[in-house]
Amino acid sequence: MNVHRMRAIAEKEMIHIMRDPRSLAMAIVIPLLMLFLFGYALTLDVDNVPLAVLDMDGSQMSQRFIDGFAQSRYFSLRVVAGNYRELEASIDEGRSLMGLVIPEDFSIRIRSGRSVSVQAIVDGSDSNTASIALGYASAIVAIYSEEHMQDFLGKTLRPVDAQIRIWFNRELKSRNYIIPGLLAVIMMVVASLLTSLTIAREWERGSMEQLITTPIKTHELILGKMIPYFLLGFLDVLLSVIMGTQLFGVPLRGNPLILFFIASLFLVGGLSLGLLYSILTRNQLLAYQLATVSSFLPAFLLSGFTFPITGMPRAIRLFTYIVPARYFVTILKGIFLKGVGLEILWIETALLGVFGVSVFIIANAKLKKRLR
């Protein structure tokens, strides 16, 4: 390997990047913009569920029951209905997602120590939000029931008392695991898109013929093309980590050096994949489209970032093993939230290394110093 030839290619590519503000915007601004937009817009937390209440009892006990919902951060009392039709209308019009119907004999039955049924009507058009809202409602009802069992009977029926301890994400904030996973998606997309235009651009502009006549070797050309984008990608990783921890408050409990080392392996694989598309297509538009489809969709849908892999069909679960973002998402969550290192994540790290080396070897084999 001739370092001088490789350095010359790297300097040439860096000059091209500096003269093309669009490449700089794609490399730096777009990843940060994606992280900012997705970080604020994409959330799985369900808070302030709009609630409608029909209180047919009108007692202090029913009001106390309603306050249990209204004073929690999970529900927001929006509609106090006078009859059942008004309650239905509030759900039909989208003013409330859940309706609560308290029967006339609510307080009488509780004072007599009997059970009472309270109707909860949930808009199931958004099944995820509806199921979470039902879970919140069940928890509030259970707390209310336990309090009044003590008040009126002087005892509680709790043969088993579960002491719950939540590790790694105590407040169950979805942002704490969305941001690390989003970092993997952004890096996969940006890395493959940046280098997908490099070799194809040389062919379209006719400068590839000049490179063919030089004594430079294919692996020197690939490495020279990759180095500037690797530096830009590493800068994106650094800025994204700073943005995630400082702006979004995601804890970084692991070793940052291990994080950046593994991120470098992931970048090498993504950059090599983009170069491979550029070598195979020799067309910037086609290479860009191919890199977009094959990087964003698998990284977003099949990495475990948005949907749990365990809930996917078996054929899809098997397919996820060839998606490198799957392993990087696991690594990022382990380092950010669990604070673990290579002693736990060495398998995922080794697979990322194998991916990067394999794609680089394939790209080097497909790049031929000939016109056809």
Protein backbone atom coordinates (compact mmCIF):
# COMPACT_ATOMS: atom_id res chain seq x y z
CA MET A 1 0.00 0.00 0.00
CA ASN A 2 1.33 3.39 -1.03
CA VAL A 3 0.37 5.95 1.60
CA HIS A 4 1.20 8.91 -0.65
CA ARG A 5 -1.18 7.78 -3.40
CA MET A 6 -3.94 7.13 -0.89
CA ARG A 7 -3.34 10.52 0.72
CA ALA A 8 -3.56 12.24 -2.65
CA ILE A 9 -6.98 10.67 -3.30
CA ALA A 10 -8.16 11.63 0.19
CA GLU A 11 -7.03 15.25 -0.31
CA LYS A 12 -8.75 15.34 -3.70
CA GLU A 13 -12.00 14.11 -2.16
CA MET A 14 -11.74 16.54 0.73
CA ILE A 15 -11.29 19.45 -1.68
CA HIS A 16 -14.39 18.32 -3.54
CA ILE A 17 -16.36 18.18 -0.29
CA MET A 18 -15.23 21.64 0.78
CA ARG A 19 -16.18 23.08 -2.62
CA ASP A 20 -19.61 21.45 -2.51
CA PRO A 21 -21.74 22.91 0.30
CA ARG A 22 -24.47 20.35 -0.39
CA SER A 23 -22.14 17.53 0.59
CA LEU A 24 -21.24 19.32 3.80
CA ALA A 25 -24.92 19.91 4.56
CA MET A 26 -25.68 16.25 3.94
CA ALA A 27 -22.78 15.18 6.11
CA ILE A 28 -23.30 17.47 9.11
CA VAL A 29 -26.58 19.39 9.11
CA ILE A 30 -28.95 16.63 8.00
CA PRO A 31 -27.94 14.10 10.72
CA LEU A 32 -28.33 16.70 13.46
CA LEU A 33 -31.64 17.85 11.99
CA MET A 34 -32.90 14.26 11.85
CA LEU A 35 -31.85 13.68 15.44
CA PHE A 36 -33.56 16.89 16.55
CA LEU A 37 -36.82 16.22 14.71
CA PHE A 38 -37.07 12.52 15.54
CA GLY A 39 -35.94 13.10 19.12
CA TYR A 40 -38.81 15.49 19.79
CA ALA A 41 -41.45 14.10 17.43
CA LEU A 42 -40.97 10.35 17.93
CA THR A 43 -42.09 9.33 21.39
CA LEU A 44 -43.86 6.29 22.77
CA ASP A 45 -44.79 7.96 26.05
CA VAL A 46 -48.54 8.29 26.56
CA ASP A 47 -49.31 11.28 28.79
CA ASN A 48 -52.29 13.59 29.18
CA VAL A 49 -54.79 11.21 27.61
CA PRO A 50 -57.94 13.32 27.00
CA LEU A 51 -60.66 12.03 29.33
CA ALA A 52 -64.43 12.47 29.36
CA VAL A 53 -66.41 11.69 32.53
CA LEU A 54 -70.09 10.97 33.12
CA ASP A 55 -70.68 11.01 36.88
CA MET A 56 -74.20 9.75 37.55
CA ASP A 57 -73.54 9.42 41.29
CA GLY A 58 -72.40 12.97 42.02
CA SER A 59 -71.04 12.15 45.46
CA GLN A 60 -67.81 13.06 47.18
CA MET A 61 -66.60 9.50 46.73
CA SER A 62 -67.16 9.58 42.98
CA GLN A 63 -65.45 12.97 42.82
CA ARG A 64 -62.48 11.55 44.68
CA PHE A 65 -62.40 8.70 42.18
CA ILE A 66 -62.39 11.18 39.27
CA ASP A 67 -59.64 13.21 40.94
CA GLY A 68 -57.45 10.11 40.87
CA PHE A 69 -57.55 10.35 37.09
CA ALA A 70 -57.50 14.13 36.72
CA GLN A 71 -54.55 14.66 39.08
CA SER A 72 -52.32 12.06 37.45
CA ARG A 73 -50.00 13.00 34.60
CA TYR A 74 -51.47 10.26 32.45
CA PHE A 75 -54.95 11.75 32.02
CA SER A 76 -56.32 15.19 31.31
CA LEU A 77 -59.98 15.81 32.12
CA ARG A 78 -61.40 17.53 29.02
CA VAL A 79 -65.15 16.82 29.07
CA VAL A 80 -67.66 16.53 31.92
CA ALA A 81 -70.69 15.01 30.19
CA GLY A 82 -74.25 15.50 31.36
CA ASN A 83 -75.51 12.34 29.72
CA TYR A 84 -74.37 9.30 27.82
CA ARG A 85 -74.94 10.89 24.41
CA GLU A 86 -72.57 13.75 25.22
CA LEU A 87 -69.94 11.25 26.30
CA GLU A 88 -70.26 9.34 23.03
CA ALA A 89 -70.09 12.56 21.02
CA SER A 90 -66.85 13.63 22.72
CA ILE A 91 -65.20 10.34 21.68
CA ASP A 92 -66.65 10.43 18.15
CA GLU A 93 -65.40 13.99 17.62
CA GLY A 94 -61.92 13.21 18.97
CA ARG A 95 -62.17 15.55 21.96
CA SER A 96 -61.51 12.63 24.30
CA LEU A 97 -59.84 9.27 23.91
CA MET A 98 -61.36 7.61 26.96
CA GLY A 99 -64.78 7.92 28.53
CA LEU A 100 -65.48 7.06 32.17
CA VAL A 101 -69.05 6.24 33.30
CA ILE A 102 -69.70 6.16 37.06
CA PRO A 103 -73.01 4.49 37.99
CA GLU A 104 -75.66 6.00 40.30
CA ASP A 105 -75.04 3.55 43.15
CA PHE A 106 -71.25 4.02 43.17
CA SER A 107 -70.91 5.43 46.71
CA ILE A 108 -73.68 3.24 48.19
CA ARG A 109 -72.08 0.01 47.04
CA ILE A 110 -68.62 1.03 48.25
CA ARG A 111 -69.89 2.01 51.70
CA SER A 112 -71.62 -1.35 52.00
CA GLY A 113 -68.39 -3.15 51.11
CA ARG A 114 -69.68 -4.44 47.81
CA SER A 115 -67.97 -4.26 44.43
CA VAL A 116 -69.09 -1.76 41.84
CA SER A 117 -68.50 -1.69 38.09
CA VAL A 118 -67.25 1.46 36.40
CA GLN A 119 -67.42 1.57 32.61
CA ALA A 120 -64.39 2.72 30.63
CA ILE A 121 -64.90 3.39 26.92
CA VAL A 122 -61.71 3.70 24.89
CA ASP A 123 -61.18 4.87 21.32
CA GLY A 124 -59.39 1.88 19.79
CA SER A 125 -58.48 3.54 16.47
CA ASP A 126 -55.00 4.01 17.96
CA SER A 127 -54.54 0.57 19.48
CA ASN A 128 -51.16 1.26 21.12
CA THR A 129 -52.33 4.40 22.93
CA ALA A 130 -55.63 2.74 23.85
CA SER A 131 -53.96 -0.29 25.44
CA ILE A 132 -51.53 1.88 27.41
CA ALA A 133 -54.37 4.15 28.57
CA LEU A 134 -56.31 1.10 29.77
CA GLY A 135 -53.27 -0.02 31.75
CA TYR A 136 -53.03 3.40 33.40
CA ALA A 137 -56.76 3.34 34.21
CA SER A 138 -56.53 -0.13 35.74
CA ALA A 139 -53.65 0.99 37.96
CA ILE A 140 -55.57 4.06 39.20
CA VAL A 141 -58.67 1.96 39.91
CA ALA A 142 -56.56 -0.60 41.80
CA ILE A 143 -55.05 2.15 43.99
CA TYR A 144 -58.49 3.61 44.71
CA SER A 145 -59.90 0.19 45.59
CA GLU A 146 -57.04 -0.57 47.95
CA GLU A 147 -57.43 2.74 49.76
CA HIS A 148 -61.15 2.25 50.33
CA MET A 149 -60.72 -1.37 51.37
CA GLN A 150 -58.63 -0.03 54.23
CA ASP A 151 -61.08 2.79 55.01
CA PHE A 152 -64.23 0.70 55.25
CA LEU A 153 -63.07 -2.82 56.09
CA GLY A 154 -59.87 -2.06 57.94
CA LYS A 155 -57.92 -4.58 55.88
CA THR A 156 -56.45 -5.13 52.47
CA LEU A 157 -56.48 -8.20 50.29
CA ARG A 158 -52.83 -8.32 49.27
CA PRO A 159 -51.50 -11.84 49.75
CA VAL A 160 -48.67 -11.03 47.34
CA ASP A 161 -46.98 -7.65 47.43
CA ALA A 162 -44.83 -7.06 44.35
CA GLN A 163 -41.85 -4.78 44.92
CA ILE A 164 -40.99 -3.53 41.44
CA ARG A 165 -37.52 -2.27 40.59
CA ILE A 166 -36.89 -0.83 37.13
CA TRP A 167 -33.30 -0.97 35.96
CA PHE A 168 -31.48 1.21 33.42
CA ASN A 169 -34.47 3.50 32.65
CA ARG A 170 -36.18 4.10 35.97
CA GLU A 171 -38.67 6.68 34.70
CA LEU A 172 -39.49 4.60 31.60
CA LYS A 173 -38.85 7.55 29.31
CA SER A 174 -39.07 6.42 25.71
CA ARG A 175 -36.59 9.12 24.73
CA ASN A 176 -33.84 7.33 26.65
CA TYR A 177 -33.94 4.33 24.32
CA ILE A 178 -35.18 6.08 21.17
CA ILE A 179 -32.21 8.47 20.93
CA PRO A 180 -29.50 5.74 21.05
CA GLY A 181 -31.41 3.65 18.50
CA LEU A 182 -31.97 6.71 16.34
CA LEU A 183 -28.23 7.35 16.36
CA ALA A 184 -27.69 3.94 14.73
CA VAL A 185 -30.29 4.63 12.05
CA ILE A 186 -28.85 8.05 11.23
CA MET A 187 -25.28 6.79 11.03
CA MET A 188 -26.26 3.90 8.76
CA VAL A 189 -28.15 6.15 6.39
CA VAL A 190 -25.61 8.98 6.31
CA ALA A 191 -22.59 6.71 5.91
CA SER A 192 -24.00 4.78 2.96
CA LEU A 193 -25.41 7.89 1.27
CA LEU A 194 -22.19 9.89 1.50
CA THR A 195 -20.01 7.37 -0.28
CA SER A 196 -22.67 6.12 -2.70
CA LEU A 197 -21.90 9.09 -4.97
CA THR A 198 -18.09 8.96 -4.98
CA ILE A 199 -17.05 6.36 -7.58
CA ALA A 200 -20.21 6.92 -9.64
CA ARG A 201 -19.39 10.63 -9.81
CA GLU A 202 -15.93 9.85 -11.21
CA TRP A 203 -17.47 7.71 -13.95
CA GLU A 204 -20.11 10.31 -14.88
CA ARG A 205 -17.60 13.16 -15.05
CA GLY A 206 -15.07 11.17 -17.04
CA SER A 207 -12.31 11.48 -14.45
CA MET A 208 -12.31 7.75 -13.73
CA GLU A 209 -10.41 7.14 -16.96
CA GLN A 210 -7.60 9.33 -15.65
CA LEU A 211 -7.49 7.42 -12.37
CA ILE A 212 -7.33 4.12 -14.26
CA THR A 213 -4.17 5.24 -16.05
CA THR A 214 -2.38 6.01 -12.77
CA PRO A 215 -0.48 3.35 -10.79
CA ILE A 216 -2.95 3.63 -7.88
CA LYS A 217 -4.38 0.32 -6.68
CA THR A 218 -8.05 -0.33 -6.11
CA HIS A 219 -7.82 -0.65 -2.34
CA GLU A 220 -5.82 2.59 -2.17
CA LEU A 221 -8.51 4.32 -4.19
CA ILE A 222 -11.28 2.99 -1.95
CA LEU A 223 -9.48 3.91 1.26
CA GLY A 224 -8.59 7.33 -0.10
CA LYS A 225 -12.23 7.95 -0.97
CA MET A 226 -13.39 6.67 2.40
CA ILE A 227 -11.09 8.61 4.74
CA PRO A 228 -12.69 12.11 4.36
CA TYR A 229 -16.18 10.72 4.82
CA PHE A 230 -15.04 8.66 7.79
CA LEU A 231 -13.82 11.87 9.45
CA LEU A 232 -17.15 13.56 8.70
CA GLY A 233 -19.06 10.57 9.97
CA PHE A 234 -17.02 10.46 13.16
CA LEU A 235 -17.75 14.16 13.65
CA ASP A 236 -21.46 13.36 13.25
CA VAL A 237 -21.18 10.65 15.91
CA LEU A 238 -19.47 13.06 18.29
CA LEU A 239 -22.03 15.82 17.73
CA SER A 240 -24.93 13.37 18.00
CA VAL A 241 -23.67 11.97 21.31
CA ILE A 242 -23.24 15.49 22.69
CA MET A 243 -26.68 16.46 21.44
CA GLY A 244 -28.30 13.32 22.87
CA THR A 245 -26.77 13.69 26.32
CA GLN A 246 -26.93 17.48 26.69
CA LEU A 247 -30.11 18.40 24.80
CA PHE A 248 -32.26 15.31 25.40
CA GLY A 249 -30.73 14.29 28.72
CA VAL A 250 -30.02 10.67 27.75
CA PRO A 251 -27.59 9.16 30.27
CA LEU A 252 -24.25 7.87 28.99
CA ARG A 253 -23.30 5.33 31.65
CA GLY A 254 -20.72 3.38 29.67
CA ASN A 255 -17.22 4.17 28.47
CA PRO A 256 -17.28 6.84 25.70
CA LEU A 257 -14.05 5.47 24.21
CA ILE A 258 -15.66 2.06 23.67
CA LEU A 259 -18.67 3.81 22.13
CA PHE A 260 -16.54 5.71 19.62
CA PHE A 261 -14.45 2.64 18.83
CA ILE A 262 -17.51 0.55 17.97
CA ALA A 263 -19.07 3.49 16.11
CA SER A 264 -15.91 3.59 13.96
CA LEU A 265 -16.39 -0.07 13.03
CA PHE A 266 -20.00 0.65 12.13
CA LEU A 267 -18.98 3.65 10.03
CA VAL A 268 -16.45 1.58 8.09
CA GLY A 269 -19.18 -0.93 7.22
CA GLY A 270 -21.67 1.76 6.20
CA LEU A 271 -19.12 3.68 4.11
CA SER A 272 -17.95 0.48 2.42
CA LEU A 273 -21.56 -0.40 1.59
CA GLY A 274 -22.11 2.98 -0.05
CA LEU A 275 -18.89 2.58 -2.05
CA LEU A 276 -20.02 -0.87 -3.18
CA TYR A 277 -23.28 0.57 -4.54
CA SER A 278 -21.35 3.32 -6.28
CA ILE A 279 -18.97 0.79 -7.87
CA LEU A 280 -21.73 -1.54 -9.03
CA THR A 281 -24.07 1.06 -10.52
CA ARG A 282 -21.67 3.73 -11.91
CA ASN A 283 -24.66 6.08 -11.70
CA GLN A 284 -25.10 8.64 -8.94
CA LEU A 285 -28.90 8.67 -8.92
CA LEU A 286 -29.22 4.90 -8.96
CA ALA A 287 -26.53 4.48 -6.29
CA TYR A 288 -28.21 7.10 -4.10
CA GLN A 289 -31.61 5.47 -4.42
CA LEU A 290 -30.20 2.02 -3.74
CA ALA A 291 -28.33 3.25 -0.66
CA THR A 292 -31.46 5.00 0.65
CA VAL A 293 -33.72 1.97 0.32
CA SER A 294 -31.24 -0.60 1.60
CA SER A 295 -30.01 1.44 4.57
CA PHE A 296 -32.91 3.48 5.94
CA LEU A 297 -35.74 0.93 5.78
CA PRO A 298 -33.85 -2.04 7.30
CA ALA A 299 -32.22 0.16 9.93
CA PHE A 300 -35.51 1.80 10.86
CA LEU A 301 -37.82 -1.22 10.73
CA LEU A 302 -35.67 -4.31 11.31
CA SER A 303 -33.08 -3.20 13.86
CA GLY A 304 -35.33 -3.30 16.91
CA PHE A 305 -35.29 0.49 17.03
CA THR A 306 -39.03 1.04 16.60
CA PHE A 307 -40.50 -2.48 16.74
CA PRO A 308 -39.34 -5.34 18.99
CA ILE A 309 -37.73 -8.11 16.97
CA THR A 310 -39.25 -10.78 19.20
CA GLY A 311 -42.73 -9.83 17.96
CA MET A 312 -41.87 -10.24 14.28
CA PRO A 313 -42.64 -13.37 12.21
CA ARG A 314 -39.89 -15.98 12.27
CA ALA A 315 -38.82 -15.35 8.66
CA ILE A 316 -38.39 -11.64 9.36
CA ARG A 317 -36.52 -12.36 12.61
CA LEU A 318 -34.04 -14.49 10.69
CA PHE A 319 -33.61 -11.72 8.11
CA THR A 320 -32.74 -9.18 10.82
CA TYR A 321 -29.49 -11.05 11.53
CA ILE A 322 -28.00 -9.60 8.33
CA VAL A 323 -28.97 -6.03 9.27
CA PRO A 324 -25.89 -4.43 10.89
CA ALA A 325 -27.97 -1.73 12.55
CA ARG A 326 -29.54 -4.45 14.71
CA TYR A 327 -26.22 -5.07 16.44
CA PHE A 328 -25.33 -1.39 16.69
CA VAL A 329 -28.71 -0.58 18.32
CA THR A 330 -28.05 -3.29 20.93
CA ILE A 331 -24.57 -1.90 21.53
CA LEU A 332 -25.75 1.69 21.88
CA LYS A 333 -28.49 0.81 24.35
CA GLY A 334 -26.03 -1.29 26.33
CA ILE A 335 -23.43 1.47 26.55
CA PHE A 336 -25.84 4.39 27.07
CA LEU A 337 -28.35 2.86 29.48
CA LYS A 338 -26.73 -0.23 31.01
CA GLY A 339 -23.14 0.99 31.16
CA VAL A 340 -21.77 -2.35 29.93
CA GLY A 341 -18.59 -2.82 27.90
CA LEU A 342 -16.94 -5.23 25.52
CA GLU A 343 -17.16 -8.07 28.03
CA ILE A 344 -20.91 -8.14 27.30
CA LEU A 345 -21.05 -6.66 23.79
CA TRP A 346 -18.10 -8.45 22.19
CA ILE A 347 -20.26 -10.65 19.95
CA GLU A 348 -22.13 -7.69 18.43
CA THR A 349 -18.84 -5.79 18.09
CA ALA A 350 -17.17 -8.71 16.32
CA LEU A 351 -20.12 -9.04 13.92
CA LEU A 352 -19.88 -5.34 13.05
CA GLY A 353 -16.17 -5.82 12.37
CA VAL A 354 -16.88 -8.81 10.13
CA PHE A 355 -19.51 -6.81 8.27
CA GLY A 356 -17.16 -3.89 7.64
CA VAL A 357 -14.25 -6.06 6.47
CA SER A 358 -16.48 -8.24 4.28
CA VAL A 359 -18.13 -5.34 2.47
CA PHE A 360 -14.76 -3.64 1.97
CA ILE A 361 -13.30 -6.81 0.43
CA ILE A 362 -16.30 -7.18 -1.89
CA ALA A 363 -16.07 -3.53 -2.96
CA ASN A 364 -12.35 -3.92 -3.64
CA ALA A 365 -13.00 -7.04 -5.72
CA LYS A 366 -15.74 -5.34 -7.77
CA LEU A 367 -13.68 -2.23 -8.56
CA LYS A 368 -11.74 -3.00 -11.73
CA LYS A 369 -9.25 -0.69 -13.39
CA ARG A 370 -10.77 -1.02 -16.82
CA LEU A 371 -13.38 0.87 -18.78
CA ARG A 372 -15.85 -2.07 -19.09
